[in-house]
Amino acid sequence: MEGTIGKILIVDDDKNIAEVIKMYLESSGYATKVAHDGRAAQEVFLSYKPDLVLLDIMLPYIDGIDVLKWIRKEHETPVIMLTAKGETFDKVLALELGADDYVVKPFEPKEIIARVKAVLRRYNLDNGGKEVLNFEDLEIDINSYNVTYKGAEVKMPPKEFELVHYLALNKNRVFTRQQLLCEVWGYDYPGDSRTVDVHVKRVREKLQGGPNWQIETVWGVGYKFEVK
């Protein structure tokens, strides 16, 4: 990555679109690799180890949703989905599975650059080194995106981490699902709010609480990180 500001894997079966994205990203200082189907995407991902993936949903051999599932099994690499459909179902499903953002085709290349920068900024936390949050049996390190629970590191995709960090940073404050969508996802979410429920469920499976803290459901309202 020396001489560049990040490595981006572009996965799109439309070679013209992929080439335009590649050109704009490289002119902005990013290194890139391109794959045109799901199988190739997996191979290039493993060898290239990108900092971010731009992933089309409709792909030959293995579709983008299955590639996203495959990435999330072992890796926390940020993923921005590309879709020509613009259907709420696709967006909801992709975000529930751990995508960090999505862009609907047709799009302006400058929009892609802006989304890439925003996601990498959130992921790399170019924020001057905020504090480590400590609770009994739990440490949330905003600088490294690491969560330690009962002495062991807990792997979380970026959105799960950002959700638990935001709740813990604002301990004992109740947030509605819509507030969490706006604060954690960073835009007005087009679908329903079940994405928050899915992410909270996954976080709870990994962090089952401690003697003095718990991620609580406030029925009819939303969620809070309760510290006693």
C-alpha atoms as a PDB file:
ATOM      1  CA  MET A   1       0.000   0.000   0.000  1.00  0.00           C
ATOM      2  CA  GLU A   2       3.053   2.247  -0.009  1.00  0.00           C
ATOM      3  CA  GLY A   3       2.479   5.322  -2.165  1.00  0.00           C
ATOM      4  CA  THR A   4      -1.295   4.878  -2.057  1.00  0.00           C
ATOM      5  CA  ILE A   5      -3.986   5.710   0.486  1.00  0.00           C
ATOM      6  CA  GLY A   6      -5.701   2.321   0.375  1.00  0.00           C
ATOM      7  CA  LYS A   7      -6.316  -0.871  -1.614  1.00  0.00           C
ATOM      8  CA  ILE A   8      -9.757  -1.278  -3.161  1.00  0.00           C
ATOM      9  CA  LEU A   9     -11.184  -4.438  -4.736  1.00  0.00           C
ATOM     10  CA  ILE A  10     -13.790  -3.605  -7.396  1.00  0.00           C
ATOM     11  CA  VAL A  11     -16.195  -6.444  -8.178  1.00  0.00           C
ATOM     12  CA  ASP A  12     -18.576  -5.810 -11.085  1.00  0.00           C
ATOM     13  CA  ASP A  13     -19.450  -7.909 -14.122  1.00  0.00           C
ATOM     14  CA  ASP A  14     -19.898  -4.753 -16.221  1.00  0.00           C
ATOM     15  CA  LYS A  15     -16.340  -4.151 -17.410  1.00  0.00           C
ATOM     16  CA  ASN A  16     -17.065  -0.578 -18.481  1.00  0.00           C
ATOM     17  CA  ILE A  17     -18.415   0.381 -15.047  1.00  0.00           C
ATOM     18  CA  ALA A  18     -15.523  -1.377 -13.315  1.00  0.00           C
ATOM     19  CA  GLU A  19     -13.013   0.459 -15.507  1.00  0.00           C
ATOM     20  CA  VAL A  20     -14.564   3.864 -14.797  1.00  0.00           C
ATOM     21  CA  ILE A  21     -14.559   3.207 -11.040  1.00  0.00           C
ATOM     22  CA  LYS A  22     -10.967   1.974 -11.240  1.00  0.00           C
ATOM     23  CA  MET A  23      -9.869   5.103 -13.122  1.00  0.00           C
ATOM     24  CA  TYR A  24     -11.485   7.474 -10.628  1.00  0.00           C
ATOM     25  CA  LEU A  25     -10.196   5.604  -7.590  1.00  0.00           C
ATOM     26  CA  GLU A  26      -6.638   5.473  -8.903  1.00  0.00           C
ATOM     27  CA  SER A  27      -6.729   9.179  -9.791  1.00  0.00           C
ATOM     28  CA  SER A  28      -7.727   9.773  -6.159  1.00  0.00           C
ATOM     29  CA  GLY A  29      -4.703   7.868  -4.876  1.00  0.00           C
ATOM     30  CA  TYR A  30      -6.098   4.374  -4.299  1.00  0.00           C
ATOM     31  CA  ALA A  31      -4.589   1.121  -5.574  1.00  0.00           C
ATOM     32  CA  THR A  32      -7.132  -1.201  -7.171  1.00  0.00           C
ATOM     33  CA  LYS A  33      -7.783  -4.724  -8.369  1.00  0.00           C
ATOM     34  CA  VAL A  34     -10.819  -5.761 -10.417  1.00  0.00           C
ATOM     35  CA  ALA A  35     -12.846  -8.983 -10.507  1.00  0.00           C
ATOM     36  CA  HIS A  36     -15.815  -9.629 -12.801  1.00  0.00           C
ATOM     37  CA  ASP A  37     -17.489 -12.568 -11.057  1.00  0.00           C
ATOM     38  CA  GLY A  38     -17.988 -13.972  -7.577  1.00  0.00           C
ATOM     39  CA  ARG A  39     -15.406 -16.729  -7.814  1.00  0.00           C
ATOM     40  CA  ALA A  40     -12.708 -14.378  -9.031  1.00  0.00           C
ATOM     41  CA  ALA A  41     -13.680 -11.937  -6.276  1.00  0.00           C
ATOM     42  CA  GLN A  42     -12.960 -14.544  -3.616  1.00  0.00           C
ATOM     43  CA  GLU A  43      -9.583 -15.429  -5.152  1.00  0.00           C
ATOM     44  CA  VAL A  44      -8.489 -11.808  -5.520  1.00  0.00           C
ATOM     45  CA  PHE A  45      -9.741 -10.950  -2.028  1.00  0.00           C
ATOM     46  CA  LEU A  46      -7.514 -13.607  -0.459  1.00  0.00           C
ATOM     47  CA  SER A  47      -4.409 -12.681  -2.436  1.00  0.00           C
ATOM     48  CA  TYR A  48      -4.834  -8.890  -2.517  1.00  0.00           C
ATOM     49  CA  LYS A  49      -6.115  -8.343   1.038  1.00  0.00           C
ATOM     50  CA  PRO A  50      -7.958  -5.112   0.184  1.00  0.00           C
ATOM     51  CA  ASP A  51      -8.804  -2.357   2.629  1.00  0.00           C
ATOM     52  CA  LEU A  52     -12.307  -2.071   1.154  1.00  0.00           C
ATOM     53  CA  VAL A  53     -14.486  -3.961  -1.344  1.00  0.00           C
ATOM     54  CA  LEU A  54     -16.906  -2.421  -3.842  1.00  0.00           C
ATOM     55  CA  LEU A  55     -19.208  -5.362  -4.505  1.00  0.00           C
ATOM     56  CA  ASP A  56     -21.939  -5.632  -7.126  1.00  0.00           C
ATOM     57  CA  ILE A  57     -24.961  -7.690  -6.092  1.00  0.00           C
ATOM     58  CA  MET A  58     -25.693  -9.294  -9.468  1.00  0.00           C
ATOM     59  CA  LEU A  59     -22.625 -11.369 -10.379  1.00  0.00           C
ATOM     60  CA  PRO A  60     -21.965 -14.555 -12.386  1.00  0.00           C
ATOM     61  CA  TYR A  61     -21.199 -17.859 -10.593  1.00  0.00           C
ATOM     62  CA  ILE A  62     -21.524 -16.508  -7.033  1.00  0.00           C
ATOM     63  CA  ASP A  63     -23.716 -13.463  -6.434  1.00  0.00           C
ATOM     64  CA  GLY A  64     -22.684 -10.463  -4.357  1.00  0.00           C
ATOM     65  CA  ILE A  65     -24.787 -11.387  -1.340  1.00  0.00           C
ATOM     66  CA  ASP A  66     -23.073 -14.776  -1.092  1.00  0.00           C
ATOM     67  CA  VAL A  67     -19.661 -13.151  -1.554  1.00  0.00           C
ATOM     68  CA  LEU A  68     -20.536 -10.752   1.282  1.00  0.00           C
ATOM     69  CA  LYS A  69     -21.545 -13.693   3.509  1.00  0.00           C
ATOM     70  CA  TRP A  70     -18.249 -15.407   2.659  1.00  0.00           C
ATOM     71  CA  ILE A  71     -16.223 -12.291   3.535  1.00  0.00           C
ATOM     72  CA  ARG A  72     -18.036 -11.807   6.828  1.00  0.00           C
ATOM     73  CA  LYS A  73     -17.349 -15.366   7.994  1.00  0.00           C
ATOM     74  CA  GLU A  74     -13.675 -14.587   8.523  1.00  0.00           C
ATOM     75  CA  HIS A  75     -13.015 -10.920   7.785  1.00  0.00           C
ATOM     76  CA  GLU A  76     -14.040  -7.456   8.945  1.00  0.00           C
ATOM     77  CA  THR A  77     -13.052  -5.691   5.708  1.00  0.00           C
ATOM     78  CA  PRO A  78     -15.474  -2.842   4.886  1.00  0.00           C
ATOM     79  CA  VAL A  79     -17.842  -3.607   1.992  1.00  0.00           C
ATOM     80  CA  ILE A  80     -19.889  -1.176  -0.093  1.00  0.00           C
ATOM     81  CA  MET A  81     -22.563  -2.884  -2.181  1.00  0.00           C
ATOM     82  CA  LEU A  82     -23.362  -1.777  -5.738  1.00  0.00           C
ATOM     83  CA  THR A  83     -26.839  -2.491  -7.035  1.00  0.00           C
ATOM     84  CA  ALA A  84     -28.762  -1.570 -10.151  1.00  0.00           C
ATOM     85  CA  LYS A  85     -32.008  -2.726  -8.623  1.00  0.00           C
ATOM     86  CA  GLY A  86     -32.624  -0.024  -6.083  1.00  0.00           C
ATOM     87  CA  GLU A  87     -35.000  -2.352  -4.261  1.00  0.00           C
ATOM     88  CA  THR A  88     -35.473  -1.976  -0.520  1.00  0.00           C
ATOM     89  CA  PHE A  89     -35.141  -5.727   0.007  1.00  0.00           C
ATOM     90  CA  ASP A  90     -31.642  -5.838  -1.429  1.00  0.00           C
ATOM     91  CA  LYS A  91     -30.523  -2.891   0.684  1.00  0.00           C
ATOM     92  CA  VAL A  92     -31.995  -4.291   3.882  1.00  0.00           C
ATOM     93  CA  LEU A  93     -30.518  -7.742   3.304  1.00  0.00           C
ATOM     94  CA  ALA A  94     -27.057  -6.416   2.436  1.00  0.00           C
ATOM     95  CA  LEU A  95     -26.883  -4.188   5.514  1.00  0.00           C
ATOM     96  CA  GLU A  96     -28.171  -6.949   7.787  1.00  0.00           C
ATOM     97  CA  LEU A  97     -25.430  -9.237   6.493  1.00  0.00           C
ATOM     98  CA  GLY A  98     -22.754  -6.708   7.390  1.00  0.00           C
ATOM     99  CA  ALA A  99     -22.347  -4.366   4.426  1.00  0.00           C
ATOM    100  CA  ASP A 100     -21.184  -0.896   5.450  1.00  0.00           C
ATOM    101  CA  ASP A 101     -22.948   1.081   2.758  1.00  0.00           C
ATOM    102  CA  TYR A 102     -24.570   0.723  -0.643  1.00  0.00           C
ATOM    103  CA  VAL A 103     -24.741   2.739  -3.859  1.00  0.00           C
ATOM    104  CA  VAL A 104     -27.551   2.415  -6.390  1.00  0.00           C
ATOM    105  CA  LYS A 105     -26.717   2.478 -10.103  1.00  0.00           C
ATOM    106  CA  PRO A 106     -26.557   4.654 -12.069  1.00  0.00           C
ATOM    107  CA  PHE A 107     -24.225   6.728  -9.919  1.00  0.00           C
ATOM    108  CA  GLU A 108     -21.679   9.470 -10.345  1.00  0.00           C
ATOM    109  CA  PRO A 109     -18.073   8.281  -9.898  1.00  0.00           C
ATOM    110  CA  LYS A 110     -17.558  11.170  -7.463  1.00  0.00           C
ATOM    111  CA  GLU A 111     -20.264   9.635  -5.257  1.00  0.00           C
ATOM    112  CA  ILE A 112     -18.300   6.364  -5.131  1.00  0.00           C
ATOM    113  CA  ILE A 113     -15.167   8.246  -4.078  1.00  0.00           C
ATOM    114  CA  ALA A 114     -17.082  10.070  -1.352  1.00  0.00           C
ATOM    115  CA  ARG A 115     -18.613   6.828  -0.028  1.00  0.00           C
ATOM    116  CA  VAL A 116     -15.239   5.047  -0.056  1.00  0.00           C
ATOM    117  CA  LYS A 117     -13.596   7.884   1.853  1.00  0.00           C
ATOM    118  CA  ALA A 118     -16.430   8.037   4.388  1.00  0.00           C
ATOM    119  CA  VAL A 119     -16.403   4.294   5.097  1.00  0.00           C
ATOM    120  CA  LEU A 120     -12.611   4.108   5.340  1.00  0.00           C
ATOM    121  CA  ARG A 121     -12.612   7.145   7.611  1.00  0.00           C
ATOM    122  CA  ARG A 122     -15.107   5.460   9.936  1.00  0.00           C
ATOM    123  CA  TYR A 123     -13.231   2.195   9.785  1.00  0.00           C
ATOM    124  CA  ASN A 124      -9.766   3.639  10.327  1.00  0.00           C
ATOM    125  CA  LEU A 125     -11.106   6.169  12.836  1.00  0.00           C
ATOM    126  CA  ASP A 126      -9.193   9.191  11.709  1.00  0.00           C
ATOM    127  CA  ASN A 127     -10.439  11.004  14.777  1.00  0.00           C
ATOM    128  CA  GLY A 128      -7.428  11.848  16.888  1.00  0.00           C
ATOM    129  CA  GLY A 129      -7.533   8.875  19.212  1.00  0.00           C
ATOM    130  CA  LYS A 130     -10.654   8.754  21.316  1.00  0.00           C
ATOM    131  CA  GLU A 131     -10.759   6.902  24.564  1.00  0.00           C
ATOM    132  CA  VAL A 132     -10.927   3.212  25.307  1.00  0.00           C
ATOM    133  CA  LEU A 133     -14.234   2.400  26.981  1.00  0.00           C
ATOM    134  CA  ASN A 134     -13.831   0.073  29.958  1.00  0.00           C
ATOM    135  CA  PHE A 135     -16.524  -1.825  31.808  1.00  0.00           C
ATOM    136  CA  GLU A 136     -16.242  -4.943  33.933  1.00  0.00           C
ATOM    137  CA  ASP A 137     -15.217  -7.814  31.598  1.00  0.00           C
ATOM    138  CA  LEU A 138     -15.461  -5.488  28.577  1.00  0.00           C
ATOM    139  CA  GLU A 139     -13.072  -3.154  26.750  1.00  0.00           C
ATOM    140  CA  ILE A 140     -14.045  -1.251  23.602  1.00  0.00           C
ATOM    141  CA  ASP A 141     -11.046   0.298  21.831  1.00  0.00           C
ATOM    142  CA  ILE A 142     -12.192   2.932  19.348  1.00  0.00           C
ATOM    143  CA  ASN A 143      -8.647   3.405  18.017  1.00  0.00           C
ATOM    144  CA  SER A 144      -8.140  -0.189  16.881  1.00  0.00           C
ATOM    145  CA  TYR A 145     -11.794  -1.259  16.510  1.00  0.00           C
ATOM    146  CA  ASN A 146     -11.118  -4.053  18.984  1.00  0.00           C
ATOM    147  CA  VAL A 147     -13.530  -5.443  21.544  1.00  0.00           C
ATOM    148  CA  THR A 148     -12.196  -7.550  24.418  1.00  0.00           C
ATOM    149  CA  TYR A 149     -14.729  -9.536  26.440  1.00  0.00           C
ATOM    150  CA  LYS A 150     -13.740 -11.627  29.431  1.00  0.00           C
ATOM    151  CA  GLY A 151     -10.109 -11.381  28.368  1.00  0.00           C
ATOM    152  CA  ALA A 152     -10.609 -12.567  24.786  1.00  0.00           C
ATOM    153  CA  GLU A 153     -10.798 -10.528  21.593  1.00  0.00           C
ATOM    154  CA  VAL A 154     -14.239 -10.587  19.991  1.00  0.00           C
ATOM    155  CA  LYS A 155     -14.393 -10.314  16.202  1.00  0.00           C
ATOM    156  CA  MET A 156     -17.044  -7.907  14.944  1.00  0.00           C
ATOM    157  CA  PRO A 157     -17.775  -6.432  11.527  1.00  0.00           C
ATOM    158  CA  PRO A 158     -17.503  -2.632  11.530  1.00  0.00           C
ATOM    159  CA  LYS A 159     -21.223  -1.968  11.898  1.00  0.00           C
ATOM    160  CA  GLU A 160     -21.564  -4.254  14.932  1.00  0.00           C
ATOM    161  CA  PHE A 161     -18.585  -2.527  16.535  1.00  0.00           C
ATOM    162  CA  GLU A 162     -19.923   0.944  15.766  1.00  0.00           C
ATOM    163  CA  LEU A 163     -23.299   0.025  17.210  1.00  0.00           C
ATOM    164  CA  VAL A 164     -21.962  -1.303  20.512  1.00  0.00           C
ATOM    165  CA  HIS A 165     -19.464   1.550  20.780  1.00  0.00           C
ATOM    166  CA  TYR A 166     -22.146   4.172  20.207  1.00  0.00           C
ATOM    167  CA  LEU A 167     -24.460   2.623  22.798  1.00  0.00           C
ATOM    168  CA  ALA A 168     -21.645   2.228  25.339  1.00  0.00           C
ATOM    169  CA  LEU A 169     -20.346   5.745  24.722  1.00  0.00           C
ATOM    170  CA  ASN A 170     -23.843   6.994  25.557  1.00  0.00           C
ATOM    171  CA  LYS A 171     -24.444   4.611  28.437  1.00  0.00           C
ATOM    172  CA  ASN A 172     -27.869   4.596  30.119  1.00  0.00           C
ATOM    173  CA  ARG A 173     -29.369   6.637  27.282  1.00  0.00           C
ATOM    174  CA  VAL A 174     -32.253   5.102  25.335  1.00  0.00           C
ATOM    175  CA  PHE A 175     -32.145   5.306  21.531  1.00  0.00           C
ATOM    176  CA  THR A 176     -34.915   4.526  19.099  1.00  0.00           C
ATOM    177  CA  ARG A 177     -34.129   2.246  16.177  1.00  0.00           C
ATOM    178  CA  GLN A 178     -34.382   5.200  13.810  1.00  0.00           C
ATOM    179  CA  GLN A 179     -31.917   7.217  15.883  1.00  0.00           C
ATOM    180  CA  LEU A 180     -29.448   4.331  15.802  1.00  0.00           C
ATOM    181  CA  LEU A 181     -29.862   3.965  12.040  1.00  0.00           C
ATOM    182  CA  CYS A 182     -29.095   7.652  11.551  1.00  0.00           C
ATOM    183  CA  GLU A 183     -26.208   7.796  14.040  1.00  0.00           C
ATOM    184  CA  VAL A 184     -24.496   4.480  13.278  1.00  0.00           C
ATOM    185  CA  TRP A 185     -25.284   3.997   9.591  1.00  0.00           C
ATOM    186  CA  GLY A 186     -24.914   7.676   8.870  1.00  0.00           C
ATOM    187  CA  TYR A 187     -27.843   8.276   6.538  1.00  0.00           C
ATOM    188  CA  ASP A 188     -31.624   8.019   6.426  1.00  0.00           C
ATOM    189  CA  TYR A 189     -32.232   4.318   6.050  1.00  0.00           C
ATOM    190  CA  PRO A 190     -34.723   3.475   3.239  1.00  0.00           C
ATOM    191  CA  GLY A 191     -36.133   0.252   4.651  1.00  0.00           C
ATOM    192  CA  ASP A 192     -37.590  -0.804   7.982  1.00  0.00           C
ATOM    193  CA  SER A 193     -35.732  -0.753  11.277  1.00  0.00           C
ATOM    194  CA  ARG A 194     -35.203  -4.499  11.660  1.00  0.00           C
ATOM    195  CA  THR A 195     -31.562  -4.032  10.667  1.00  0.00           C
ATOM    196  CA  VAL A 196     -30.936  -2.614  14.154  1.00  0.00           C
ATOM    197  CA  ASP A 197     -32.661  -5.601  15.774  1.00  0.00           C
ATOM    198  CA  VAL A 198     -30.533  -8.039  13.769  1.00  0.00           C
ATOM    199  CA  HIS A 199     -27.291  -6.268  14.692  1.00  0.00           C
ATOM    200  CA  VAL A 200     -28.244  -6.020  18.383  1.00  0.00           C
ATOM    201  CA  LYS A 201     -29.044  -9.752  18.372  1.00  0.00           C
ATOM    202  CA  ARG A 202     -25.624 -10.557  16.904  1.00  0.00           C
ATOM    203  CA  VAL A 203     -23.836  -8.294  19.370  1.00  0.00           C
ATOM    204  CA  ARG A 204     -25.683  -9.914  22.278  1.00  0.00           C
ATOM    205  CA  GLU A 205     -24.642 -13.354  21.069  1.00  0.00           C
ATOM    206  CA  LYS A 206     -21.020 -12.206  21.347  1.00  0.00           C
ATOM    207  CA  LEU A 207     -21.353  -9.989  24.422  1.00  0.00           C
ATOM    208  CA  GLN A 208     -23.721 -11.583  26.906  1.00  0.00           C
ATOM    209  CA  GLY A 209     -23.375  -8.849  29.482  1.00  0.00           C
ATOM    210  CA  GLY A 210     -21.447  -8.385  32.689  1.00  0.00           C
ATOM    211  CA  PRO A 211     -22.107  -7.986  36.405  1.00  0.00           C
ATOM    212  CA  ASN A 212     -22.729  -4.254  36.031  1.00  0.00           C
ATOM    213  CA  TRP A 213     -23.671  -3.712  32.366  1.00  0.00           C
ATOM    214  CA  GLN A 214     -26.105  -5.041  29.798  1.00  0.00           C
ATOM    215  CA  ILE A 215     -27.497  -4.134  26.382  1.00  0.00           C
ATOM    216  CA  GLU A 216     -31.141  -3.681  27.272  1.00  0.00           C
ATOM    217  CA  THR A 217     -34.294  -3.598  25.191  1.00  0.00           C
ATOM    218  CA  VAL A 218     -36.617  -0.777  26.169  1.00  0.00           C
ATOM    219  CA  TRP A 219     -39.931  -2.125  24.958  1.00  0.00           C
ATOM    220  CA  GLY A 220     -41.801   0.166  22.606  1.00  0.00           C
ATOM    221  CA  VAL A 221     -38.792   2.508  22.330  1.00  0.00           C
ATOM    222  CA  GLY A 222     -35.457   0.940  21.400  1.00  0.00           C
ATOM    223  CA  TYR A 223     -32.187   0.001  23.101  1.00  0.00           C
ATOM    224  CA  LYS A 224     -29.711   1.228  25.668  1.00  0.00           C
ATOM    225  CA  PHE A 225     -26.370   0.200  27.153  1.00  0.00           C
ATOM    226  CA  GLU A 226     -27.309   0.029  30.821  1.00  0.00           C
ATOM    227  CA  VAL A 227     -24.606   0.449  33.450  1.00  0.00           C
ATOM    228  CA  LYS A 228     -25.634  -0.112  37.066  1.00  0.00           C
END
